[in-house]
PDB file of N, CA and C in Angstrom:
ATOM      1  N   UNK A   1      59.196 -76.858 167.880  1.00  0.00           N
ATOM      2  CA  UNK A   1      59.538 -77.380 166.785  1.00  0.00           C
ATOM      3  C   UNK A   1      59.494 -79.289 167.045  1.00  0.00           C
ATOM      4  N   UNK A   2      58.449 -80.276 166.733  1.00  0.00           N
ATOM      5  CA  UNK A   2      58.572 -81.574 166.516  1.00  0.00           C
ATOM      6  C   UNK A   2      59.010 -81.296 164.818  1.00  0.00           C
ATOM      7  N   UNK A   3      60.358 -82.510 164.997  1.00  0.00           N
ATOM      8  CA  UNK A   3      60.686 -82.965 163.299  1.00  0.00           C
ATOM      9  C   UNK A   3      60.656 -84.700 163.162  1.00  0.00           C
ATOM     10  N   UNK A   4      59.940 -85.085 162.125  1.00  0.00           N
ATOM     11  CA  UNK A   4      59.527 -86.249 161.960  1.00  0.00           C
ATOM     12  C   UNK A   4      60.694 -86.674 160.905  1.00  0.00           C
ATOM     13  N   UNK A   5      61.510 -87.371 160.989  1.00  0.00           N
ATOM     14  CA  UNK A   5      62.337 -87.882 159.962  1.00  0.00           C
ATOM     15  C   UNK A   5      61.597 -89.366 159.382  1.00  0.00           C
ATOM     16  N   UNK A   6      60.997 -89.472 157.923  1.00  0.00           N
ATOM     17  CA  UNK A   6      60.971 -90.733 157.154  1.00  0.00           C
ATOM     18  C   UNK A   6      61.562 -91.612 156.044  1.00  0.00           C
ATOM     19  N   UNK A   7      61.430 -92.816 156.300  1.00  0.00           N
ATOM     20  CA  UNK A   7      62.808 -93.657 155.546  1.00  0.00           C
ATOM     21  C   UNK A   7      61.416 -94.650 155.280  1.00  0.00           C
ATOM     22  N   UNK A   8      61.973 -95.830 154.481  1.00  0.00           N
ATOM     23  CA  UNK A   8      61.192 -97.011 154.571  1.00  0.00           C
ATOM     24  C   UNK A   8      61.167 -98.074 155.817  1.00  0.00           C
ATOM     25  N   UNK A   9      61.867 -98.124 156.230  1.00  0.00           N
ATOM     26  CA  UNK A   9      61.800 -98.946 157.395  1.00  0.00           C
ATOM     27  C   UNK A   9      61.827 -98.718 158.405  1.00  0.00           C
ATOM     28  N   UNK A  10      62.584 -97.621 158.571  1.00  0.00           N
ATOM     29  CA  UNK A  10      62.872 -96.812 159.925  1.00  0.00           C
ATOM     30  C   UNK A  10      64.185 -96.340 160.477  1.00  0.00           C
ATOM     31  N   UNK A  11      65.218 -97.755 159.688  1.00  0.00           N
ATOM     32  CA  UNK A  11      66.511 -97.417 160.181  1.00  0.00           C
ATOM     33  C   UNK A  11      67.631 -96.646 160.309  1.00  0.00           C
ATOM     34  N   UNK A  12      67.363 -95.970 158.644  1.00  0.00           N
ATOM     35  CA  UNK A  12      68.062 -94.732 158.513  1.00  0.00           C
ATOM     36  C   UNK A  12      67.548 -93.519 158.967  1.00  0.00           C
ATOM     37  N   UNK A  13      66.397 -93.011 159.502  1.00  0.00           N
ATOM     38  CA  UNK A  13      65.778 -92.507 159.636  1.00  0.00           C
ATOM     39  C   UNK A  13      66.248 -91.958 160.946  1.00  0.00           C
ATOM     40  N   UNK A  14      66.157 -93.079 161.849  1.00  0.00           N
ATOM     41  CA  UNK A  14      66.327 -93.178 163.406  1.00  0.00           C
ATOM     42  C   UNK A  14      67.588 -92.721 163.220  1.00  0.00           C
ATOM     43  N   UNK A  15      68.466 -92.787 162.423  1.00  0.00           N
ATOM     44  CA  UNK A  15      70.720 -92.192 162.302  1.00  0.00           C
ATOM     45  C   UNK A  15      70.244 -90.425 162.091  1.00  0.00           C
ATOM     46  N   UNK A  16      69.120 -89.994 161.210  1.00  0.00           N
ATOM     47  CA  UNK A  16      69.266 -88.844 160.866  1.00  0.00           C
ATOM     48  C   UNK A  16      68.576 -88.240 161.876  1.00  0.00           C
ATOM     49  N   UNK A  17      67.358 -88.783 162.917  1.00  0.00           N
ATOM     50  CA  UNK A  17      66.759 -87.809 163.874  1.00  0.00           C
ATOM     51  C   UNK A  17      67.891 -87.985 165.033  1.00  0.00           C
ATOM     52  N   UNK A  18      68.670 -88.779 165.430  1.00  0.00           N
ATOM     53  CA  UNK A  18      69.511 -88.859 166.306  1.00  0.00           C
ATOM     54  C   UNK A  18      70.164 -87.418 165.784  1.00  0.00           C
ATOM     55  N   UNK A  19      70.882 -87.526 165.007  1.00  0.00           N
ATOM     56  CA  UNK A  19      72.298 -86.144 164.543  1.00  0.00           C
ATOM     57  C   UNK A  19      71.391 -85.038 164.708  1.00  0.00           C
ATOM     58  N   UNK A  20      69.922 -84.674 164.205  1.00  0.00           N
ATOM     59  CA  UNK A  20      69.121 -83.738 164.156  1.00  0.00           C
ATOM     60  C   UNK A  20      69.208 -83.165 165.424  1.00  0.00           C
ATOM     61  N   UNK A  21      68.930 -83.888 166.158  1.00  0.00           N
ATOM     62  CA  UNK A  21      68.464 -83.319 167.702  1.00  0.00           C
ATOM     63  C   UNK A  21      69.860 -83.117 168.344  1.00  0.00           C
ATOM     64  N   UNK A  22      70.878 -83.937 167.960  1.00  0.00           N
ATOM     65  CA  UNK A  22      72.412 -83.570 168.845  1.00  0.00           C
ATOM     66  C   UNK A  22      72.810 -82.170 167.943  1.00  0.00           C
ATOM     67  N   UNK A  23      72.277 -81.713 166.779  1.00  0.00           N
ATOM     68  CA  UNK A  23      73.011 -80.418 166.143  1.00  0.00           C
ATOM     69  C   UNK A  23      71.932 -79.623 166.405  1.00  0.00           C
ATOM     70  N   UNK A  24      70.827 -79.869 166.750  1.00  0.00           N
ATOM     71  CA  UNK A  24      69.501 -78.565 167.599  1.00  0.00           C
ATOM     72  C   UNK A  24      70.243 -78.161 169.232  1.00  0.00           C
ATOM     73  N   UNK A  25      70.312 -79.094 169.652  1.00  0.00           N
ATOM     74  CA  UNK A  25      70.923 -79.050 170.778  1.00  0.00           C
ATOM     75  C   UNK A  25      72.165 -78.053 171.042  1.00  0.00           C
ATOM     76  N   UNK A  26      72.965 -78.073 170.228  1.00  0.00           N
ATOM     77  CA  UNK A  26      74.784 -77.319 169.935  1.00  0.00           C
ATOM     78  C   UNK A  26      74.310 -76.088 169.795  1.00  0.00           C
ATOM     79  N   UNK A  27      73.126 -75.767 168.847  1.00  0.00           N
ATOM     80  CA  UNK A  27      72.658 -74.701 168.545  1.00  0.00           C
ATOM     81  C   UNK A  27      71.412 -73.919 169.038  1.00  0.00           C
ATOM     82  N   UNK A  28      71.277 -74.734 170.124  1.00  0.00           N
ATOM     83  CA  UNK A  28      70.060 -73.909 171.503  1.00  0.00           C
ATOM     84  C   UNK A  28      68.993 -73.858 170.618  1.00  0.00           C
ATOM     85  N   UNK A  29      68.487 -75.176 170.165  1.00  0.00           N
ATOM     86  CA  UNK A  29      67.360 -74.774 169.404  1.00  0.00           C
ATOM     87  C   UNK A  29      66.375 -76.402 169.937  1.00  0.00           C
ATOM     88  N   UNK A  30      65.155 -75.588 170.430  1.00  0.00           N
ATOM     89  CA  UNK A  30      64.437 -76.316 170.702  1.00  0.00           C
ATOM     90  C   UNK A  30      63.904 -77.275 170.079  1.00  0.00           C
ATOM     91  N   UNK A  31      63.870 -78.701 169.926  1.00  0.00           N
ATOM     92  CA  UNK A  31      63.096 -79.510 168.485  1.00  0.00           C
ATOM     93  C   UNK A  31      63.366 -80.614 169.364  1.00  0.00           C
ATOM     94  N   UNK A  32      62.495 -81.582 169.070  1.00  0.00           N
ATOM     95  CA  UNK A  32      62.137 -83.090 169.110  1.00  0.00           C
ATOM     96  C   UNK A  32      62.282 -83.746 168.095  1.00  0.00           C
ATOM     97  N   UNK A  33      63.021 -84.514 167.877  1.00  0.00           N
ATOM     98  CA  UNK A  33      63.402 -85.022 166.210  1.00  0.00           C
ATOM     99  C   UNK A  33      62.940 -86.639 166.916  1.00  0.00           C
ATOM    100  N   UNK A  34      62.189 -87.013 165.654  1.00  0.00           N
ATOM    101  CA  UNK A  34      61.622 -88.656 165.986  1.00  0.00           C
ATOM    102  C   UNK A  34      61.489 -89.599 164.516  1.00  0.00           C
ATOM    103  N   UNK A  35      62.192 -90.586 164.678  1.00  0.00           N
ATOM    104  CA  UNK A  35      61.537 -91.474 163.425  1.00  0.00           C
ATOM    105  C   UNK A  35      60.590 -92.062 162.867  1.00  0.00           C
ATOM    106  N   UNK A  36      60.330 -92.444 161.806  1.00  0.00           N
ATOM    107  CA  UNK A  36      59.308 -93.140 161.574  1.00  0.00           C
ATOM    108  C   UNK A  36      59.372 -93.264 160.217  1.00  0.00           C
ATOM    109  N   UNK A  37      58.424 -94.371 159.818  1.00  0.00           N
ATOM    110  CA  UNK A  37      58.657 -95.323 158.568  1.00  0.00           C
ATOM    111  C   UNK A  37      56.848 -94.267 157.806  1.00  0.00           C
ATOM    112  N   UNK A  38      56.911 -95.168 156.425  1.00  0.00           N
ATOM    113  CA  UNK A  38      56.184 -94.796 155.548  1.00  0.00           C
ATOM    114  C   UNK A  38      54.604 -95.619 156.086  1.00  0.00           C
ATOM    115  N   UNK A  39      54.705 -96.189 155.987  1.00  0.00           N
ATOM    116  CA  UNK A  39      53.294 -96.896 156.985  1.00  0.00           C
ATOM    117  C   UNK A  39      52.767 -96.214 158.148  1.00  0.00           C
ATOM    118  N   UNK A  40      53.919 -95.602 158.982  1.00  0.00           N
ATOM    119  CA  UNK A  40      53.121 -95.067 160.246  1.00  0.00           C
ATOM    120  C   UNK A  40      52.931 -93.909 159.919  1.00  0.00           C
ATOM    121  N   UNK A  41      53.567 -93.114 158.724  1.00  0.00           N
ATOM    122  CA  UNK A  41      53.118 -91.749 158.391  1.00  0.00           C
ATOM    123  C   UNK A  41      51.332 -91.048 158.832  1.00  0.00           C
ATOM    124  N   UNK A  42      50.778 -92.146 158.668  1.00  0.00           N
ATOM    125  CA  UNK A  42      49.324 -90.942 159.284  1.00  0.00           C
ATOM    126  C   UNK A  42      49.006 -91.291 160.496  1.00  0.00           C
ATOM    127  N   UNK A  43      49.730 -91.958 161.153  1.00  0.00           N
ATOM    128  CA  UNK A  43      49.706 -91.473 162.888  1.00  0.00           C
ATOM    129  C   UNK A  43      50.600 -90.965 163.424  1.00  0.00           C
ATOM    130  N   UNK A  44      52.004 -90.919 162.328  1.00  0.00           N
ATOM    131  CA  UNK A  44      53.264 -90.200 163.359  1.00  0.00           C
ATOM    132  C   UNK A  44      53.050 -88.552 163.121  1.00  0.00           C
ATOM    133  N   UNK A  45      52.167 -87.974 161.267  1.00  0.00           N
ATOM    134  CA  UNK A  45      52.146 -86.520 161.054  1.00  0.00           C
ATOM    135  C   UNK A  45      51.031 -85.959 162.294  1.00  0.00           C
ATOM    136  N   UNK A  46      50.502 -86.614 162.812  1.00  0.00           N
ATOM    137  CA  UNK A  46      49.632 -85.637 164.045  1.00  0.00           C
ATOM    138  C   UNK A  46      50.391 -84.976 165.426  1.00  0.00           C
ATOM    139  N   UNK A  47      51.942 -85.586 165.200  1.00  0.00           N
ATOM    140  CA  UNK A  47      52.264 -85.288 166.621  1.00  0.00           C
ATOM    141  C   UNK A  47      53.547 -84.710 165.950  1.00  0.00           C
ATOM    142  N   UNK A  48      53.544 -84.174 164.267  1.00  0.00           N
ATOM    143  CA  UNK A  48      54.672 -83.331 163.675  1.00  0.00           C
ATOM    144  C   UNK A  48      54.382 -81.854 163.401  1.00  0.00           C
ATOM    145  N   UNK A  49      55.353 -80.892 163.440  1.00  0.00           N
ATOM    146  CA  UNK A  49      55.218 -79.720 162.214  1.00  0.00           C
ATOM    147  C   UNK A  49      56.098 -80.026 161.616  1.00  0.00           C
ATOM    148  N   UNK A  50      57.299 -80.644 161.247  1.00  0.00           N
ATOM    149  CA  UNK A  50      57.973 -81.029 160.186  1.00  0.00           C
ATOM    150  C   UNK A  50      58.542 -81.955 160.029  1.00  0.00           C
ATOM    151  N   UNK A  51      58.527 -82.336 158.305  1.00  0.00           N
ATOM    152  CA  UNK A  51      58.433 -83.810 157.788  1.00  0.00           C
ATOM    153  C   UNK A  51      59.827 -83.737 157.532  1.00  0.00           C
ATOM    154  N   UNK A  52      60.224 -84.587 157.422  1.00  0.00           N
ATOM    155  CA  UNK A  52      62.141 -84.567 156.315  1.00  0.00           C
ATOM    156  C   UNK A  52      61.836 -86.357 156.061  1.00  0.00           C
ATOM    157  N   UNK A  53      61.760 -85.951 154.879  1.00  0.00           N
ATOM    158  CA  UNK A  53      61.597 -87.348 153.731  1.00  0.00           C
ATOM    159  C   UNK A  53      62.683 -87.863 153.376  1.00  0.00           C
ATOM    160  N   UNK A  54      63.271 -89.081 153.518  1.00  0.00           N
ATOM    161  CA  UNK A  54      64.383 -89.765 152.512  1.00  0.00           C
ATOM    162  C   UNK A  54      63.834 -89.877 151.697  1.00  0.00           C
ATOM    163  N   UNK A  55      65.463 -89.547 150.801  1.00  0.00           N
ATOM    164  CA  UNK A  55      65.753 -89.215 149.249  1.00  0.00           C
ATOM    165  C   UNK A  55      64.964 -90.549 148.386  1.00  0.00           C
ATOM    166  N   UNK A  56      64.981 -91.849 149.343  1.00  0.00           N
ATOM    167  CA  UNK A  56      64.540 -92.745 148.397  1.00  0.00           C
ATOM    168  C   UNK A  56      63.443 -92.832 148.323  1.00  0.00           C
ATOM    169  N   UNK A  57      62.274 -91.546 149.078  1.00  0.00           N
ATOM    170  CA  UNK A  57      61.018 -91.848 149.363  1.00  0.00           C
ATOM    171  C   UNK A  57      60.690 -90.561 148.056  1.00  0.00           C
ATOM    172  N   UNK A  58      61.202 -89.935 147.266  1.00  0.00           N
ATOM    173  CA  UNK A  58      61.185 -89.033 146.151  1.00  0.00           C
ATOM    174  C   UNK A  58      60.144 -89.404 145.624  1.00  0.00           C
ATOM    175  N   UNK A  59      59.898 -90.549 144.844  1.00  0.00           N
ATOM    176  CA  UNK A  59      58.609 -90.851 143.935  1.00  0.00           C
ATOM    177  C   UNK A  59      57.620 -91.073 144.706  1.00  0.00           C
ATOM    178  N   UNK A  60      57.493 -90.927 146.102  1.00  0.00           N
ATOM    179  CA  UNK A  60      56.389 -90.975 146.918  1.00  0.00           C
ATOM    180  C   UNK A  60      55.614 -89.504 147.229  1.00  0.00           C
ATOM    181  N   UNK A  61      56.865 -88.635 147.102  1.00  0.00           N
ATOM    182  CA  UNK A  61      56.213 -87.014 148.043  1.00  0.00           C
ATOM    183  C   UNK A  61      54.965 -86.288 147.618  1.00  0.00           C
ATOM    184  N   UNK A  62      54.716 -87.017 146.389  1.00  0.00           N
ATOM    185  CA  UNK A  62      53.378 -86.543 145.870  1.00  0.00           C
ATOM    186  C   UNK A  62      51.960 -86.942 147.587  1.00  0.00           C
ATOM    187  N   UNK A  63      51.978 -88.262 147.014  1.00  0.00           N
ATOM    188  CA  UNK A  63      51.081 -88.660 148.512  1.00  0.00           C
ATOM    189  C   UNK A  63      51.499 -88.435 149.809  1.00  0.00           C
ATOM    190  N   UNK A  64      53.048 -87.927 149.559  1.00  0.00           N
ATOM    191  CA  UNK A  64      52.878 -87.543 151.481  1.00  0.00           C
ATOM    192  C   UNK A  64      52.790 -86.241 151.270  1.00  0.00           C
ATOM    193  N   UNK A  65      53.139 -85.243 151.049  1.00  0.00           N
ATOM    194  CA  UNK A  65      52.274 -84.269 150.693  1.00  0.00           C
ATOM    195  C   UNK A  65      50.726 -84.297 150.902  1.00  0.00           C
ATOM    196  N   UNK A  66      50.191 -85.064 150.188  1.00  0.00           N
ATOM    197  CA  UNK A  66      48.383 -85.188 150.723  1.00  0.00           C
ATOM    198  C   UNK A  66      48.012 -85.090 151.888  1.00  0.00           C
ATOM    199  N   UNK A  67      48.913 -86.220 152.899  1.00  0.00           N
ATOM    200  CA  UNK A  67      49.019 -86.349 154.293  1.00  0.00           C
ATOM    201  C   UNK A  67      49.606 -85.415 154.798  1.00  0.00           C
ATOM    202  N   UNK A  68      50.253 -85.028 154.892  1.00  0.00           N
ATOM    203  CA  UNK A  68      50.849 -83.992 155.567  1.00  0.00           C
ATOM    204  C   UNK A  68      50.209 -82.752 155.291  1.00  0.00           C
ATOM    205  N   UNK A  69      49.667 -82.026 154.488  1.00  0.00           N
ATOM    206  CA  UNK A  69      49.131 -80.415 154.012  1.00  0.00           C
ATOM    207  C   UNK A  69      47.992 -80.857 155.028  1.00  0.00           C
ATOM    208  N   UNK A  70      46.908 -81.387 154.945  1.00  0.00           N
ATOM    209  CA  UNK A  70      45.804 -81.042 155.891  1.00  0.00           C
ATOM    210  C   UNK A  70      46.144 -81.095 157.294  1.00  0.00           C
ATOM    211  N   UNK A  71      46.988 -81.270 158.004  1.00  0.00           N
ATOM    212  CA  UNK A  71      47.408 -81.645 159.316  1.00  0.00           C
ATOM    213  C   UNK A  71      48.670 -80.265 159.636  1.00  0.00           C
ATOM    214  N   UNK A  72      48.826 -79.642 158.577  1.00  0.00           N
ATOM    215  CA  UNK A  72      49.379 -78.082 158.609  1.00  0.00           C
ATOM    216  C   UNK A  72      51.564 -79.102 159.260  1.00  0.00           C
ATOM    217  N   UNK A  73      51.557 -79.909 158.393  1.00  0.00           N
ATOM    218  CA  UNK A  73      52.734 -80.647 158.378  1.00  0.00           C
ATOM    219  C   UNK A  73      53.850 -79.780 157.004  1.00  0.00           C
ATOM    220  N   UNK A  74      54.686 -79.137 157.433  1.00  0.00           N
ATOM    221  CA  UNK A  74      55.499 -78.797 156.284  1.00  0.00           C
ATOM    222  C   UNK A  74      56.390 -79.656 156.135  1.00  0.00           C
ATOM    223  N   UNK A  75      56.894 -80.045 154.712  1.00  0.00           N
ATOM    224  CA  UNK A  75      57.705 -80.983 154.001  1.00  0.00           C
ATOM    225  C   UNK A  75      58.970 -80.753 153.788  1.00  0.00           C
ATOM    226  N   UNK A  76      59.828 -81.240 153.640  1.00  0.00           N
ATOM    227  CA  UNK A  76      61.000 -81.308 152.946  1.00  0.00           C
ATOM    228  C   UNK A  76      61.686 -82.888 152.705  1.00  0.00           C
ATOM    229  N   UNK A  77      62.151 -82.676 151.577  1.00  0.00           N
ATOM    230  CA  UNK A  77      63.159 -84.324 150.815  1.00  0.00           C
ATOM    231  C   UNK A  77      64.874 -84.004 151.094  1.00  0.00           C
ATOM    232  N   UNK A  78      65.076 -84.709 152.036  1.00  0.00           N
ATOM    233  CA  UNK A  78      66.551 -84.826 152.156  1.00  0.00           C
ATOM    234  C   UNK A  78      67.496 -85.352 150.911  1.00  0.00           C
ATOM    235  N   UNK A  79      68.524 -84.633 150.973  1.00  0.00           N
ATOM    236  CA  UNK A  79      69.169 -84.774 149.408  1.00  0.00           C
ATOM    237  C   UNK A  79      70.056 -86.270 149.505  1.00  0.00           C
ATOM    238  N   UNK A  80      69.973 -86.203 148.378  1.00  0.00           N
ATOM    239  CA  UNK A  80      70.588 -87.704 148.349  1.00  0.00           C
ATOM    240  C   UNK A  80      72.068 -88.520 149.230  1.00  0.00           C
ATOM    241  N   UNK A  81      72.756 -86.995 149.815  1.00  0.00           N
ATOM    242  CA  UNK A  81      73.567 -87.340 149.959  1.00  0.00           C
ATOM    243  C   UNK A  81      73.850 -87.379 152.013  1.00  0.00           C
ATOM    244  N   UNK A  82      72.534 -87.175 151.879  1.00  0.00           N
ATOM    245  CA  UNK A  82      72.202 -87.127 153.596  1.00  0.00           C
ATOM    246  C   UNK A  82      72.813 -87.683 154.446  1.00  0.00           C
ATOM    247  N   UNK A  83      73.280 -89.144 153.837  1.00  0.00           N
ATOM    248  CA  UNK A  83      73.480 -89.644 155.608  1.00  0.00           C
ATOM    249  C   UNK A  83      74.869 -89.291 155.432  1.00  0.00           C
ATOM    250  N   UNK A  84      75.487 -88.946 154.954  1.00  0.00           N
ATOM    251  CA  UNK A  84      76.848 -88.442 155.537  1.00  0.00           C
ATOM    252  C   UNK A  84      76.964 -87.126 155.753  1.00  0.00           C
ATOM    253  N   UNK A  85      76.165 -86.439 156.499  1.00  0.00           N
ATOM    254  CA  UNK A  85      75.790 -85.653 157.385  1.00  0.00           C
ATOM    255  C   UNK A  85      76.068 -85.796 158.798  1.00  0.00           C
ATOM    256  N   UNK A  86      77.192 -86.387 159.028  1.00  0.00           N
ATOM    257  CA  UNK A  86      77.284 -86.772 160.421  1.00  0.00           C
ATOM    258  C   UNK A  86      77.041 -85.767 161.669  1.00  0.00           C
ATOM    259  N   UNK A  87      77.021 -85.119 161.135  1.00  0.00           N
ATOM    260  CA  UNK A  87      76.793 -83.563 162.411  1.00  0.00           C
ATOM    261  C   UNK A  87      75.188 -83.684 162.362  1.00  0.00           C
ATOM    262  N   UNK A  88      74.823 -83.377 161.545  1.00  0.00           N
ATOM    263  CA  UNK A  88      73.044 -83.035 161.434  1.00  0.00           C
ATOM    264  C   UNK A  88      72.840 -82.077 161.125  1.00  0.00           C
ATOM    265  N   UNK A  89      73.933 -81.251 161.085  1.00  0.00           N
ATOM    266  CA  UNK A  89      73.688 -79.676 160.722  1.00  0.00           C
ATOM    267  C   UNK A  89      72.934 -79.384 159.145  1.00  0.00           C
ATOM    268  N   UNK A  90      73.267 -80.153 158.342  1.00  0.00           N
ATOM    269  CA  UNK A  90      72.309 -80.212 156.948  1.00  0.00           C
ATOM    270  C   UNK A  90      71.266 -80.028 157.247  1.00  0.00           C
ATOM    271  N   UNK A  91      70.461 -81.849 157.871  1.00  0.00           N
ATOM    272  CA  UNK A  91      69.344 -81.866 158.380  1.00  0.00           C
ATOM    273  C   UNK A  91      68.643 -81.424 158.877  1.00  0.00           C
ATOM    274  N   UNK A  92      69.476 -80.371 160.007  1.00  0.00           N
ATOM    275  CA  UNK A  92      68.539 -79.319 160.567  1.00  0.00           C
ATOM    276  C   UNK A  92      68.269 -77.743 159.908  1.00  0.00           C
ATOM    277  N   UNK A  93      69.079 -77.742 158.917  1.00  0.00           N
ATOM    278  CA  UNK A  93      69.051 -76.873 158.556  1.00  0.00           C
ATOM    279  C   UNK A  93      67.962 -76.642 157.442  1.00  0.00           C
ATOM    280  N   UNK A  94      67.876 -77.978 157.075  1.00  0.00           N
ATOM    281  CA  UNK A  94      66.656 -78.046 156.059  1.00  0.00           C
ATOM    282  C   UNK A  94      65.086 -77.936 156.910  1.00  0.00           C
ATOM    283  N   UNK A  95      65.194 -78.581 157.918  1.00  0.00           N
ATOM    284  CA  UNK A  95      64.040 -78.548 158.895  1.00  0.00           C
ATOM    285  C   UNK A  95      63.417 -76.850 159.429  1.00  0.00           C
ATOM    286  N   UNK A  96      64.745 -76.549 159.865  1.00  0.00           N
ATOM    287  CA  UNK A  96      64.512 -74.783 160.149  1.00  0.00           C
ATOM    288  C   UNK A  96      63.673 -73.942 158.646  1.00  0.00           C
ATOM    289  N   UNK A  97      64.246 -74.598 157.358  1.00  0.00           N
ATOM    290  CA  UNK A  97      64.054 -73.448 156.286  1.00  0.00           C
ATOM    291  C   UNK A  97      62.719 -73.852 156.337  1.00  0.00           C
ATOM    292  N   UNK A  98      62.143 -75.480 156.092  1.00  0.00           N
ATOM    293  CA  UNK A  98      60.649 -75.938 156.446  1.00  0.00           C
ATOM    294  C   UNK A  98      59.876 -75.154 156.771  1.00  0.00           C
ATOM    295  N   UNK A  99      60.206 -75.396 157.965  1.00  0.00           N
ATOM    296  CA  UNK A  99      59.794 -74.408 159.385  1.00  0.00           C
ATOM    297  C   UNK A  99      59.181 -73.229 159.048  1.00  0.00           C
ATOM    298  N   UNK A 100      60.091 -72.396 158.721  1.00  0.00           N
ATOM    299  CA  UNK A 100      60.573 -71.116 158.055  1.00  0.00           C
ATOM    300  C   UNK A 100      58.780 -71.043 156.969  1.00  0.00           C
ATOM    301  N   UNK A 101      58.251 -71.768 156.335  1.00  0.00           N
ATOM    302  CA  UNK A 101      57.850 -71.508 155.485  1.00  0.00           C
ATOM    303  C   UNK A 101      56.210 -71.284 155.982  1.00  0.00           C
ATOM    304  N   UNK A 102      56.156 -72.078 157.234  1.00  0.00           N
ATOM    305  CA  UNK A 102      55.040 -72.020 157.833  1.00  0.00           C
ATOM    306  C   UNK A 102      54.833 -71.921 159.440  1.00  0.00           C
ATOM    307  N   UNK A 103      54.088 -71.911 159.561  1.00  0.00           N
ATOM    308  CA  UNK A 103      53.911 -71.876 161.169  1.00  0.00           C
ATOM    309  C   UNK A 103      53.823 -73.172 161.844  1.00  0.00           C
ATOM    310  N   UNK A 104      54.695 -73.824 162.511  1.00  0.00           N
ATOM    311  CA  UNK A 104      54.563 -75.276 163.333  1.00  0.00           C
ATOM    312  C   UNK A 104      53.477 -74.889 164.070  1.00  0.00           C
ATOM    313  N   UNK A 105      52.160 -76.079 164.441  1.00  0.00           N
ATOM    314  CA  UNK A 105      51.216 -76.249 165.134  1.00  0.00           C
ATOM    315  C   UNK A 105      51.652 -76.036 166.435  1.00  0.00           C
ATOM    316  N   UNK A 106      52.885 -76.857 167.087  1.00  0.00           N
ATOM    317  CA  UNK A 106      53.536 -77.371 168.624  1.00  0.00           C
ATOM    318  C   UNK A 106      54.416 -76.346 169.114  1.00  0.00           C
ATOM    319  N   UNK A 107      54.101 -75.911 170.038  1.00  0.00           N
ATOM    320  CA  UNK A 107      55.646 -74.987 170.538  1.00  0.00           C
ATOM    321  C   UNK A 107      56.558 -75.639 170.797  1.00  0.00           C
TER     322      UNK A 107
END
């Protein structure tokens, strides 16, 4: 499973992606988690199965879903307190829940 975490500039998404990778490793879940930005989204979506969207981008969610849906990428909005998820387990749980809603395109 390939998880893309997107925020406005890429800084906070980098922290979330790192924590998701650690949480996945601890649980034995095979995944790649990378950070992206809103401007790079059209390119980054082509290599993603799951898109986790930073809470501050919720107002953009309709446009983001329009970009993701044709590519078969499932989308979840992260809660406002996600940056307090220091071990990444909550963000990983959201990604796994989004994965269950559809079939990832990549092994």
